[in-house]
Amino acid sequence: MKIKIGILSILMLTLFGLSNEKILDSERYECTIKATKKVYSIGETPQIAVSITNNSGEDVYLIGSLDASEVKWRSPYCYYKIDKPKNVPSPMVGRCGNMNSLRVGDFKLVKPGESFNPYQSTKGYSFFGSYEIQRKENFKSPGTYKITFHYSTKSTKLDNYLGDGEENTKLKKLFSKVPNIELKSNTIEIEIKE
């Protein structure tokens, strides 16, 4: 009987107590994007502001776009989906396999009601911008483009955020305050004209 209870206890802990999973909490956050204008000329790239608003009622930390976040090699995922008027592929661009280390400065405190831009640049510190939005090749055909932004801290493993760095006590403490969210912004439309 004791063996059965022991096995059942281990099974219960494995299923419920020892999993390092956070509950997905996206409903308490809002993600919006806005372009500086609606019409661009061929050769221009859109300037887009991203805003993630904390409606949770709690102080949280969010991590900005890191080296390789856009290509989903590491978390958080920060990327745009661009629907083009013509399905003309852009040339492939390679990148090195190195990724900058996660730093304490990559965590930004976002209080209830405040907003966060994962591409922000402040006080000599900046996150990685979106290469896909800055590529002129993505906006070379006249027509209407539909753009949506995605942000995800769904991974609950600090290793998936570290890049080429190593974990330490400060990073672990800050990471424990990062909500588990998967957000999709509103979709905006811009026009490219000749």
Protein backbone atom coordinates (compact mmCIF):
# COMPACT_ATOMS: atom_id res chain seq x y z
CA MET A 1 0.00 0.00 0.00
CA LYS A 2 2.83 2.42 0.89
CA ILE A 3 4.47 1.74 -2.47
CA LYS A 4 1.24 2.59 -4.33
CA ILE A 5 0.83 5.84 -2.38
CA GLY A 6 4.49 6.71 -3.03
CA ILE A 7 4.14 6.08 -6.76
CA LEU A 8 0.89 8.05 -6.86
CA SER A 9 2.55 10.95 -4.98
CA ILE A 10 5.48 11.02 -7.41
CA LEU A 11 3.08 10.96 -10.35
CA MET A 12 1.02 13.84 -8.91
CA LEU A 13 4.14 15.94 -8.22
CA THR A 14 5.44 15.27 -11.69
CA LEU A 15 2.18 16.27 -13.34
CA PHE A 16 1.28 19.24 -11.17
CA GLY A 17 3.95 20.31 -8.70
CA LEU A 18 7.31 20.01 -10.38
CA SER A 19 6.50 21.43 -13.77
CA ASN A 20 8.21 24.77 -14.21
CA GLU A 21 5.38 26.02 -16.41
CA LYS A 22 3.71 29.34 -15.82
CA ILE A 23 0.10 29.78 -16.81
CA LEU A 24 -0.36 31.63 -20.11
CA ASP A 25 -1.57 35.09 -19.08
CA SER A 26 -2.03 36.99 -22.35
CA GLU A 27 -5.54 38.31 -21.60
CA ARG A 28 -4.22 40.89 -19.14
CA TYR A 29 -1.92 42.54 -21.70
CA GLU A 30 -2.65 44.50 -24.85
CA CYS A 31 -0.40 44.89 -27.87
CA THR A 32 -0.94 47.61 -30.45
CA ILE A 33 1.06 49.01 -33.35
CA LYS A 34 0.82 52.31 -35.17
CA ALA A 35 2.61 53.60 -38.26
CA THR A 36 3.78 57.21 -38.42
CA LYS A 37 1.94 57.59 -41.72
CA LYS A 38 -0.28 55.54 -44.04
CA VAL A 39 1.36 56.24 -47.42
CA TYR A 40 5.02 55.65 -48.29
CA SER A 41 7.01 55.91 -51.50
CA ILE A 42 8.91 52.99 -53.02
CA GLY A 43 12.25 52.88 -51.25
CA GLU A 44 10.84 54.03 -47.92
CA THR A 45 10.32 51.67 -45.02
CA PRO A 46 7.52 52.16 -42.49
CA GLN A 47 8.21 53.59 -39.07
CA ILE A 48 6.10 51.58 -36.63
CA ALA A 49 5.66 52.07 -32.90
CA VAL A 50 4.86 49.00 -30.78
CA SER A 51 3.07 49.34 -27.45
CA ILE A 52 2.53 46.48 -24.99
CA THR A 53 0.28 47.64 -22.14
CA ASN A 54 0.25 45.97 -18.72
CA ASN A 55 -3.38 45.66 -17.61
CA SER A 56 -2.56 42.99 -15.01
CA GLY A 57 -2.65 45.18 -11.91
CA GLU A 58 0.85 43.94 -10.97
CA ASP A 59 4.42 45.10 -11.54
CA VAL A 60 6.05 42.88 -14.17
CA TYR A 61 9.26 42.78 -16.15
CA LEU A 62 9.26 42.52 -19.93
CA ILE A 63 12.27 41.80 -22.12
CA GLY A 64 12.87 43.75 -25.31
CA SER A 65 13.84 42.42 -28.72
CA LEU A 66 17.15 40.60 -28.39
CA ASP A 67 19.72 39.48 -30.92
CA ALA A 68 17.90 36.65 -32.82
CA SER A 69 14.43 37.31 -31.29
CA GLU A 70 13.11 38.19 -34.74
CA VAL A 71 14.21 34.92 -36.32
CA LYS A 72 12.85 32.97 -33.31
CA TRP A 73 16.22 31.50 -32.35
CA ARG A 74 15.69 32.79 -28.82
CA SER A 75 12.96 34.20 -26.61
CA PRO A 76 11.26 36.55 -26.39
CA TYR A 77 9.98 36.23 -29.92
CA CYS A 78 9.55 39.73 -31.42
CA TYR A 79 8.61 39.75 -35.08
CA TYR A 80 6.35 41.24 -37.71
CA LYS A 81 4.20 39.37 -40.20
CA ILE A 82 4.06 41.32 -43.45
CA ASP A 83 1.36 40.48 -46.01
CA LYS A 84 2.50 41.97 -49.33
CA PRO A 85 0.32 42.91 -52.31
CA LYS A 86 2.47 40.64 -54.49
CA ASN A 87 4.05 37.48 -53.20
CA VAL A 88 7.55 38.43 -54.35
CA PRO A 89 10.14 36.81 -52.08
CA SER A 90 12.93 38.98 -50.71
CA PRO A 91 16.49 37.71 -51.10
CA MET A 92 17.65 35.43 -48.30
CA VAL A 93 20.06 36.99 -45.87
CA GLY A 94 22.32 34.91 -43.65
CA ARG A 95 23.34 35.70 -40.13
CA CYS A 96 26.04 34.46 -37.82
CA GLY A 97 25.18 31.88 -35.18
CA ASN A 98 26.32 34.06 -32.28
CA MET A 99 23.80 35.72 -29.96
CA ASN A 100 24.48 38.49 -27.48
CA SER A 101 24.16 37.50 -23.83
CA LEU A 102 21.03 38.32 -21.85
CA ARG A 103 21.76 41.22 -19.49
CA VAL A 104 20.03 42.65 -16.44
CA GLY A 105 19.38 45.81 -18.51
CA ASP A 106 17.30 43.76 -20.97
CA PHE A 107 14.55 43.49 -18.32
CA LYS A 108 12.29 46.55 -18.13
CA LEU A 109 9.91 47.18 -15.23
CA VAL A 110 6.38 47.79 -16.50
CA LYS A 111 3.96 48.94 -13.81
CA PRO A 112 0.17 48.49 -14.06
CA GLY A 113 -1.26 50.73 -16.78
CA GLU A 114 2.17 51.44 -18.29
CA SER A 115 3.26 50.51 -21.79
CA PHE A 116 6.47 49.02 -23.14
CA ASN A 117 8.04 49.13 -26.60
CA PRO A 118 10.26 46.07 -27.18
CA TYR A 119 12.29 48.10 -29.70
CA GLN A 120 12.76 51.16 -27.48
CA SER A 121 15.98 53.06 -27.17
CA THR A 122 16.59 55.00 -23.96
CA LYS A 123 19.56 56.51 -22.15
CA GLY A 124 22.21 54.98 -24.37
CA TYR A 125 20.57 51.54 -24.16
CA SER A 126 18.62 50.01 -26.99
CA PHE A 127 17.10 46.74 -28.06
CA PHE A 128 17.53 45.11 -31.46
CA GLY A 129 15.35 46.67 -34.15
CA SER A 130 13.34 44.75 -36.71
CA TYR A 131 15.48 43.87 -39.70
CA GLU A 132 12.43 42.80 -41.74
CA ILE A 133 10.68 46.17 -41.31
CA GLN A 134 13.89 48.03 -42.18
CA ARG A 135 14.49 46.04 -45.40
CA LYS A 136 13.60 48.10 -48.46
CA GLU A 137 13.26 44.86 -50.44
CA ASN A 138 10.14 44.03 -48.41
CA PHE A 139 8.40 47.21 -49.60
CA LYS A 140 9.36 47.45 -53.27
CA SER A 141 5.99 46.72 -54.91
CA PRO A 142 3.24 49.33 -55.06
CA GLY A 143 0.07 48.37 -53.23
CA THR A 144 -1.38 47.73 -49.78
CA TYR A 145 0.67 45.98 -47.11
CA LYS A 146 -0.84 44.46 -43.97
CA ILE A 147 1.46 44.33 -40.95
CA THR A 148 0.96 42.56 -37.61
CA PHE A 149 3.39 42.33 -34.70
CA HIS A 150 3.92 39.25 -32.48
CA TYR A 151 5.52 39.10 -29.00
CA SER A 152 5.96 35.94 -26.97
CA THR A 153 7.46 35.10 -23.60
CA LYS A 154 5.72 31.72 -23.71
CA SER A 155 8.94 29.83 -22.98
CA THR A 156 9.38 29.43 -19.24
CA LYS A 157 12.99 28.27 -19.52
CA LEU A 158 15.60 30.94 -18.85
CA ASP A 159 18.01 29.03 -21.11
CA ASN A 160 15.84 29.99 -24.11
CA TYR A 161 16.55 33.69 -23.41
CA LEU A 162 20.25 33.59 -22.49
CA GLY A 163 21.82 33.70 -25.94
CA ASP A 164 25.53 32.95 -25.57
CA GLY A 165 25.50 33.99 -21.90
CA GLU A 166 25.07 32.06 -18.68
CA GLU A 167 22.42 32.32 -16.02
CA ASN A 168 23.09 33.97 -12.67
CA THR A 169 21.12 34.85 -9.55
CA LYS A 170 20.12 38.35 -10.76
CA LEU A 171 18.81 37.04 -14.09
CA LYS A 172 16.86 34.24 -12.39
CA LYS A 173 15.22 36.69 -9.99
CA LEU A 174 14.16 39.09 -12.77
CA PHE A 175 13.04 36.24 -15.02
CA SER A 176 10.68 34.98 -12.30
CA LYS A 177 8.77 38.29 -12.72
CA VAL A 178 8.33 37.97 -16.50
CA PRO A 179 4.73 37.03 -17.35
CA ASN A 180 4.04 34.12 -19.67
CA ILE A 181 2.36 35.87 -22.59
CA GLU A 182 1.78 35.39 -26.29
CA LEU A 183 0.51 38.55 -27.97
CA LYS A 184 -0.64 39.49 -31.45
CA SER A 185 -1.16 43.16 -32.25
CA ASN A 186 -3.80 44.85 -34.32
CA THR A 187 -3.16 44.72 -38.07
CA ILE A 188 -2.31 47.97 -39.78
CA GLU A 189 -2.40 48.76 -43.49
CA ILE A 190 0.09 50.96 -45.28
CA GLU A 191 0.21 51.94 -48.93
CA ILE A 192 3.35 51.98 -51.06
CA LYS A 193 3.04 54.30 -54.07
CA GLU A 194 5.34 54.94 -57.02
